[in-house]
N, C-alpha and C. Protein backbone atom coordinates (compact mmCIF):
# COMPACT_ATOMS: atom_id res chain seq x y z
N MET A 1 -9.05 1.33 107.74
CA MET A 1 -8.97 0.96 106.34
C MET A 1 -9.46 2.10 105.47
N ARG A 2 -8.86 2.19 104.34
CA ARG A 2 -9.32 3.19 103.38
C ARG A 2 -10.55 2.70 102.66
N GLU A 3 -11.35 3.65 102.25
CA GLU A 3 -12.54 3.29 101.48
C GLU A 3 -12.39 3.80 100.07
N ASN A 4 -12.85 3.01 99.11
CA ASN A 4 -12.83 3.47 97.73
C ASN A 4 -14.08 4.31 97.45
N ARG A 5 -14.32 4.68 96.21
CA ARG A 5 -15.43 5.57 95.85
C ARG A 5 -16.80 4.99 96.22
N CYS A 6 -16.88 3.71 96.24
CA CYS A 6 -18.16 3.06 96.55
C CYS A 6 -18.38 2.92 98.05
N GLY A 7 -17.44 3.32 98.84
CA GLY A 7 -17.58 3.21 100.28
C GLY A 7 -17.11 1.88 100.83
N LYS A 8 -16.49 1.03 99.99
CA LYS A 8 -15.99 -0.26 100.45
C LYS A 8 -14.51 -0.13 100.80
N ALA A 9 -14.09 -0.95 101.72
CA ALA A 9 -12.69 -0.92 102.16
C ALA A 9 -11.78 -1.39 101.03
N ASP A 10 -10.71 -0.66 100.82
CA ASP A 10 -9.73 -0.99 99.78
C ASP A 10 -8.58 -1.75 100.44
N LYS A 11 -8.64 -3.08 100.41
CA LYS A 11 -7.67 -3.92 101.10
C LYS A 11 -6.27 -3.82 100.50
N LYS A 12 -6.19 -3.71 99.17
CA LYS A 12 -4.89 -3.62 98.53
C LYS A 12 -4.16 -2.36 98.97
N GLN A 13 -4.86 -1.25 98.99
CA GLN A 13 -4.25 0.01 99.39
C GLN A 13 -3.83 -0.02 100.86
N THR A 14 -4.65 -0.65 101.68
CA THR A 14 -4.34 -0.75 103.11
C THR A 14 -3.07 -1.57 103.31
N LYS A 15 -2.91 -2.67 102.57
CA LYS A 15 -1.71 -3.48 102.68
C LYS A 15 -0.48 -2.69 102.22
N LYS A 16 -0.63 -1.91 101.15
CA LYS A 16 0.48 -1.07 100.67
C LYS A 16 0.86 -0.06 101.74
N ASP A 17 -0.13 0.55 102.36
CA ASP A 17 0.13 1.54 103.41
C ASP A 17 0.87 0.91 104.58
N GLU A 18 0.44 -0.29 104.98
CA GLU A 18 1.09 -0.99 106.09
C GLU A 18 2.53 -1.34 105.76
N LYS A 19 2.77 -1.81 104.53
CA LYS A 19 4.13 -2.14 104.11
C LYS A 19 4.99 -0.88 104.08
N GLY A 20 4.41 0.21 103.60
CA GLY A 20 5.15 1.48 103.56
C GLY A 20 5.53 1.96 104.95
N ARG A 21 4.59 1.85 105.90
CA ARG A 21 4.87 2.25 107.28
C ARG A 21 5.97 1.37 107.88
N GLU A 22 5.90 0.08 107.63
CA GLU A 22 6.91 -0.85 108.16
C GLU A 22 8.29 -0.52 107.58
N LYS A 23 8.36 -0.23 106.30
CA LYS A 23 9.62 0.11 105.64
C LYS A 23 10.19 1.40 106.24
N ARG A 24 9.32 2.41 106.45
CA ARG A 24 9.79 3.67 107.04
C ARG A 24 10.30 3.42 108.46
N ARG A 25 9.63 2.55 109.22
CA ARG A 25 10.07 2.21 110.57
C ARG A 25 11.45 1.56 110.54
N GLU A 26 11.66 0.62 109.60
CA GLU A 26 12.96 -0.04 109.47
C GLU A 26 14.04 0.96 109.10
N ASP A 27 13.74 1.85 108.16
CA ASP A 27 14.71 2.87 107.74
C ASP A 27 15.08 3.77 108.91
N LEU A 28 14.08 4.17 109.69
CA LEU A 28 14.31 5.03 110.84
C LEU A 28 15.18 4.31 111.87
N THR A 29 14.92 3.04 112.10
CA THR A 29 15.71 2.27 113.05
C THR A 29 17.16 2.17 112.59
N GLU A 30 17.39 1.92 111.31
CA GLU A 30 18.75 1.84 110.78
C GLU A 30 19.45 3.18 110.91
N LYS A 31 18.76 4.26 110.58
CA LYS A 31 19.37 5.59 110.67
C LYS A 31 19.69 5.95 112.12
N THR A 32 18.81 5.60 113.03
CA THR A 32 19.05 5.86 114.44
C THR A 32 20.29 5.11 114.91
N LEU A 33 20.41 3.86 114.52
CA LEU A 33 21.57 3.07 114.89
C LEU A 33 22.86 3.68 114.32
N GLU A 34 22.81 4.11 113.07
CA GLU A 34 23.98 4.74 112.46
C GLU A 34 24.38 5.99 113.23
N ILE A 35 23.41 6.79 113.63
CA ILE A 35 23.70 8.02 114.37
C ILE A 35 24.31 7.70 115.73
N VAL A 36 23.75 6.72 116.42
CA VAL A 36 24.28 6.33 117.73
C VAL A 36 25.71 5.83 117.60
N LEU A 37 25.98 4.99 116.60
CA LEU A 37 27.34 4.48 116.40
C LEU A 37 28.31 5.60 116.05
N PHE A 38 27.86 6.56 115.25
CA PHE A 38 28.72 7.69 114.90
C PHE A 38 29.15 8.44 116.16
N PHE A 39 28.17 8.78 117.00
CA PHE A 39 28.49 9.53 118.21
C PHE A 39 29.32 8.71 119.18
N CYS A 40 29.07 7.42 119.25
CA CYS A 40 29.87 6.55 120.12
C CYS A 40 31.33 6.59 119.69
N ARG A 41 31.57 6.43 118.39
CA ARG A 41 32.94 6.49 117.87
C ARG A 41 33.54 7.88 118.07
N PHE A 42 32.74 8.91 117.82
CA PHE A 42 33.20 10.29 117.95
C PHE A 42 33.66 10.58 119.38
N PHE A 43 32.83 10.22 120.36
CA PHE A 43 33.18 10.51 121.74
C PHE A 43 34.32 9.64 122.24
N CYS A 44 34.45 8.44 121.69
CA CYS A 44 35.58 7.59 122.04
C CYS A 44 36.88 8.26 121.58
N ILE A 45 36.87 8.82 120.38
CA ILE A 45 38.04 9.52 119.84
C ILE A 45 38.33 10.77 120.68
N ILE A 46 37.29 11.53 121.02
CA ILE A 46 37.46 12.74 121.83
C ILE A 46 38.04 12.39 123.20
N GLU A 47 37.52 11.32 123.81
CA GLU A 47 38.02 10.91 125.12
C GLU A 47 39.50 10.55 125.04
N LYS A 48 39.88 9.84 123.99
CA LYS A 48 41.29 9.47 123.80
C LYS A 48 42.13 10.74 123.64
N TRP A 49 41.64 11.70 122.85
CA TRP A 49 42.36 12.94 122.62
C TRP A 49 42.51 13.71 123.92
N TRP A 50 41.43 13.75 124.72
CA TRP A 50 41.50 14.46 126.00
C TRP A 50 42.55 13.84 126.90
N SER A 51 42.61 12.52 126.93
CA SER A 51 43.58 11.88 127.82
C SER A 51 45.01 12.14 127.34
N ILE A 52 45.22 12.22 126.03
CA ILE A 52 46.55 12.50 125.50
C ILE A 52 46.96 13.93 125.81
N CYS A 53 46.03 14.87 125.66
CA CYS A 53 46.32 16.29 125.86
C CYS A 53 46.19 16.72 127.32
N GLY A 54 45.68 15.85 128.17
CA GLY A 54 45.54 16.20 129.58
C GLY A 54 44.32 17.05 129.87
N VAL A 55 43.35 17.07 128.97
CA VAL A 55 42.15 17.85 129.16
C VAL A 55 41.13 17.01 129.93
N GLY A 56 40.37 17.63 130.80
CA GLY A 56 39.28 16.94 131.47
C GLY A 56 39.71 16.16 132.70
N GLY A 57 40.83 16.47 133.25
CA GLY A 57 41.25 15.80 134.48
C GLY A 57 42.17 14.62 134.21
N GLU A 58 42.83 14.19 135.23
CA GLU A 58 43.80 13.10 135.13
C GLU A 58 43.08 11.76 135.13
N LYS A 59 43.42 10.93 134.20
CA LYS A 59 42.87 9.57 134.18
C LYS A 59 43.87 8.66 134.87
N MET A 60 43.34 7.74 135.62
CA MET A 60 44.18 6.81 136.35
C MET A 60 44.08 5.44 135.69
N ALA A 61 45.19 4.92 135.25
CA ALA A 61 45.19 3.58 134.66
C ALA A 61 45.03 2.55 135.76
N TYR A 62 44.47 1.41 135.40
CA TYR A 62 44.34 0.30 136.34
C TYR A 62 45.67 -0.44 136.45
N VAL A 63 45.90 -1.07 137.58
CA VAL A 63 47.05 -1.95 137.78
C VAL A 63 46.53 -3.26 138.35
N ILE A 64 47.29 -4.31 138.16
CA ILE A 64 46.90 -5.62 138.70
C ILE A 64 47.82 -5.95 139.86
N ASN A 65 47.23 -6.20 141.02
CA ASN A 65 48.04 -6.47 142.22
C ASN A 65 48.44 -7.95 142.29
N ASP A 66 49.10 -8.31 143.38
CA ASP A 66 49.63 -9.67 143.55
C ASP A 66 48.55 -10.72 143.80
N ASP A 67 47.30 -10.30 143.95
CA ASP A 67 46.21 -11.27 144.13
C ASP A 67 45.87 -12.01 142.84
N CYS A 68 46.43 -11.57 141.71
CA CYS A 68 46.14 -12.14 140.39
C CYS A 68 46.40 -13.65 140.37
N ILE A 69 45.44 -14.41 139.86
CA ILE A 69 45.58 -15.86 139.76
C ILE A 69 45.84 -16.30 138.31
N SER A 70 46.13 -15.34 137.44
CA SER A 70 46.47 -15.58 136.03
C SER A 70 45.40 -16.38 135.29
N CYS A 71 44.13 -16.05 135.51
CA CYS A 71 43.05 -16.77 134.83
C CYS A 71 42.82 -16.24 133.41
N GLY A 72 43.22 -14.99 133.14
CA GLY A 72 43.09 -14.43 131.80
C GLY A 72 41.74 -13.79 131.51
N ALA A 73 40.84 -13.75 132.48
CA ALA A 73 39.52 -13.16 132.25
C ALA A 73 39.64 -11.67 131.89
N CYS A 74 40.54 -10.98 132.55
CA CYS A 74 40.70 -9.54 132.31
C CYS A 74 41.25 -9.27 130.91
N GLU A 75 42.19 -10.08 130.48
CA GLU A 75 42.80 -9.90 129.16
C GLU A 75 41.75 -10.05 128.05
N ALA A 76 40.90 -11.04 128.20
CA ALA A 76 39.86 -11.29 127.19
C ALA A 76 38.82 -10.17 127.17
N GLU A 77 38.60 -9.53 128.29
CA GLU A 77 37.54 -8.51 128.39
C GLU A 77 38.03 -7.11 128.01
N CYS A 78 39.31 -6.85 128.05
CA CYS A 78 39.86 -5.50 127.82
C CYS A 78 39.62 -5.04 126.38
N PRO A 79 38.84 -3.95 126.18
CA PRO A 79 38.55 -3.48 124.83
C PRO A 79 39.73 -2.78 124.15
N SER A 80 40.70 -2.31 124.94
CA SER A 80 41.83 -1.60 124.35
C SER A 80 43.09 -2.46 124.26
N GLU A 81 42.96 -3.74 124.57
CA GLU A 81 44.06 -4.70 124.51
C GLU A 81 45.29 -4.21 125.29
N ALA A 82 45.02 -3.65 126.47
CA ALA A 82 46.09 -3.11 127.32
C ALA A 82 46.66 -4.15 128.27
N ILE A 83 46.06 -5.33 128.33
CA ILE A 83 46.47 -6.34 129.31
C ILE A 83 47.22 -7.47 128.62
N SER A 84 48.34 -7.85 129.22
CA SER A 84 49.12 -8.97 128.68
C SER A 84 49.67 -9.79 129.85
N GLU A 85 50.10 -10.99 129.53
CA GLU A 85 50.62 -11.88 130.58
C GLU A 85 52.05 -11.49 130.90
N GLY A 86 52.32 -11.32 132.19
CA GLY A 86 53.67 -10.98 132.64
C GLY A 86 54.26 -12.14 133.42
N ASP A 87 55.17 -11.83 134.33
CA ASP A 87 55.83 -12.85 135.15
C ASP A 87 54.93 -13.24 136.32
N GLY A 88 54.21 -14.33 136.18
CA GLY A 88 53.37 -14.84 137.24
C GLY A 88 52.02 -14.16 137.39
N LYS A 89 51.81 -13.06 136.72
CA LYS A 89 50.52 -12.38 136.77
C LYS A 89 50.37 -11.53 135.50
N PHE A 90 49.16 -11.08 135.26
CA PHE A 90 48.92 -10.22 134.11
C PHE A 90 49.29 -8.78 134.47
N VAL A 91 49.66 -8.01 133.44
CA VAL A 91 50.03 -6.60 133.64
C VAL A 91 49.22 -5.72 132.68
N ILE A 92 49.03 -4.47 133.08
CA ILE A 92 48.27 -3.52 132.27
C ILE A 92 49.21 -2.42 131.78
N ASP A 93 49.20 -2.19 130.47
CA ASP A 93 49.97 -1.10 129.87
C ASP A 93 49.22 0.20 130.12
N ALA A 94 49.78 1.07 130.95
CA ALA A 94 49.12 2.32 131.35
C ALA A 94 48.86 3.24 130.17
N ASP A 95 49.69 3.17 129.14
CA ASP A 95 49.49 4.02 127.97
C ASP A 95 48.28 3.60 127.14
N LYS A 96 47.95 2.31 127.17
CA LYS A 96 46.81 1.81 126.41
C LYS A 96 45.52 1.79 127.23
N CYS A 97 45.64 1.74 128.54
CA CYS A 97 44.48 1.62 129.42
C CYS A 97 43.58 2.86 129.29
N THR A 98 42.30 2.64 129.06
CA THR A 98 41.33 3.74 128.93
C THR A 98 40.51 3.93 130.20
N ASP A 99 40.85 3.22 131.25
CA ASP A 99 40.19 3.38 132.55
C ASP A 99 38.70 3.02 132.49
N CYS A 100 38.37 2.02 131.69
CA CYS A 100 36.95 1.63 131.54
C CYS A 100 36.46 0.76 132.69
N GLY A 101 37.38 0.03 133.34
CA GLY A 101 37.00 -0.81 134.47
C GLY A 101 36.50 -2.20 134.10
N SER A 102 36.55 -2.55 132.82
CA SER A 102 36.08 -3.88 132.41
C SER A 102 36.86 -4.99 133.08
N CYS A 103 38.15 -4.78 133.24
CA CYS A 103 39.00 -5.81 133.85
C CYS A 103 38.60 -6.05 135.31
N ALA A 104 38.34 -4.97 136.03
CA ALA A 104 37.95 -5.10 137.44
C ALA A 104 36.58 -5.77 137.58
N ASP A 105 35.70 -5.51 136.62
CA ASP A 105 34.36 -6.09 136.67
C ASP A 105 34.36 -7.61 136.51
N VAL A 106 35.30 -8.15 135.71
CA VAL A 106 35.28 -9.59 135.44
C VAL A 106 36.26 -10.40 136.28
N CYS A 107 37.16 -9.73 136.96
CA CYS A 107 38.18 -10.45 137.74
C CYS A 107 37.54 -11.17 138.93
N PRO A 108 37.76 -12.49 139.06
CA PRO A 108 37.14 -13.23 140.16
C PRO A 108 37.75 -12.92 141.53
N VAL A 109 38.96 -12.36 141.55
CA VAL A 109 39.61 -12.07 142.84
C VAL A 109 39.79 -10.57 143.09
N GLY A 110 39.36 -9.74 142.16
CA GLY A 110 39.45 -8.28 142.33
C GLY A 110 40.87 -7.74 142.26
N ALA A 111 41.73 -8.38 141.45
CA ALA A 111 43.13 -7.95 141.36
C ALA A 111 43.32 -6.59 140.68
N PRO A 112 42.58 -6.26 139.61
CA PRO A 112 42.77 -4.93 139.01
C PRO A 112 42.15 -3.83 139.86
N SER A 113 42.91 -2.74 140.04
CA SER A 113 42.41 -1.58 140.76
C SER A 113 43.07 -0.33 140.19
N GLN A 114 42.50 0.81 140.47
CA GLN A 114 43.08 2.05 139.97
C GLN A 114 44.33 2.40 140.75
N GLU A 115 45.31 2.99 140.04
CA GLU A 115 46.57 3.39 140.69
C GLU A 115 46.30 4.43 141.75
């Protein structure tokens, strides 16, 4: 606690200091989140560009084999909306697939696999 001229604790000033510290902490947390989101979006764009230009190695799109039971779990989980319902099973659009593996992680029968 801060002391005033008389040597007594200044409670009002201490509360102001605490509020100021809390506000700075909140601002820092918001700024950190903004920075993380910026870089996340930036690298997502770069990864997409690399795959289009063929930089950084060949990416393999996932495919869904005949074990598919058409439950739709993979379609709901796909962040790039590359999965749609086909004839008797779901199919993955290789041009949209970002090779994230989300579909394989949620499939109860393990139907999605890399080409």
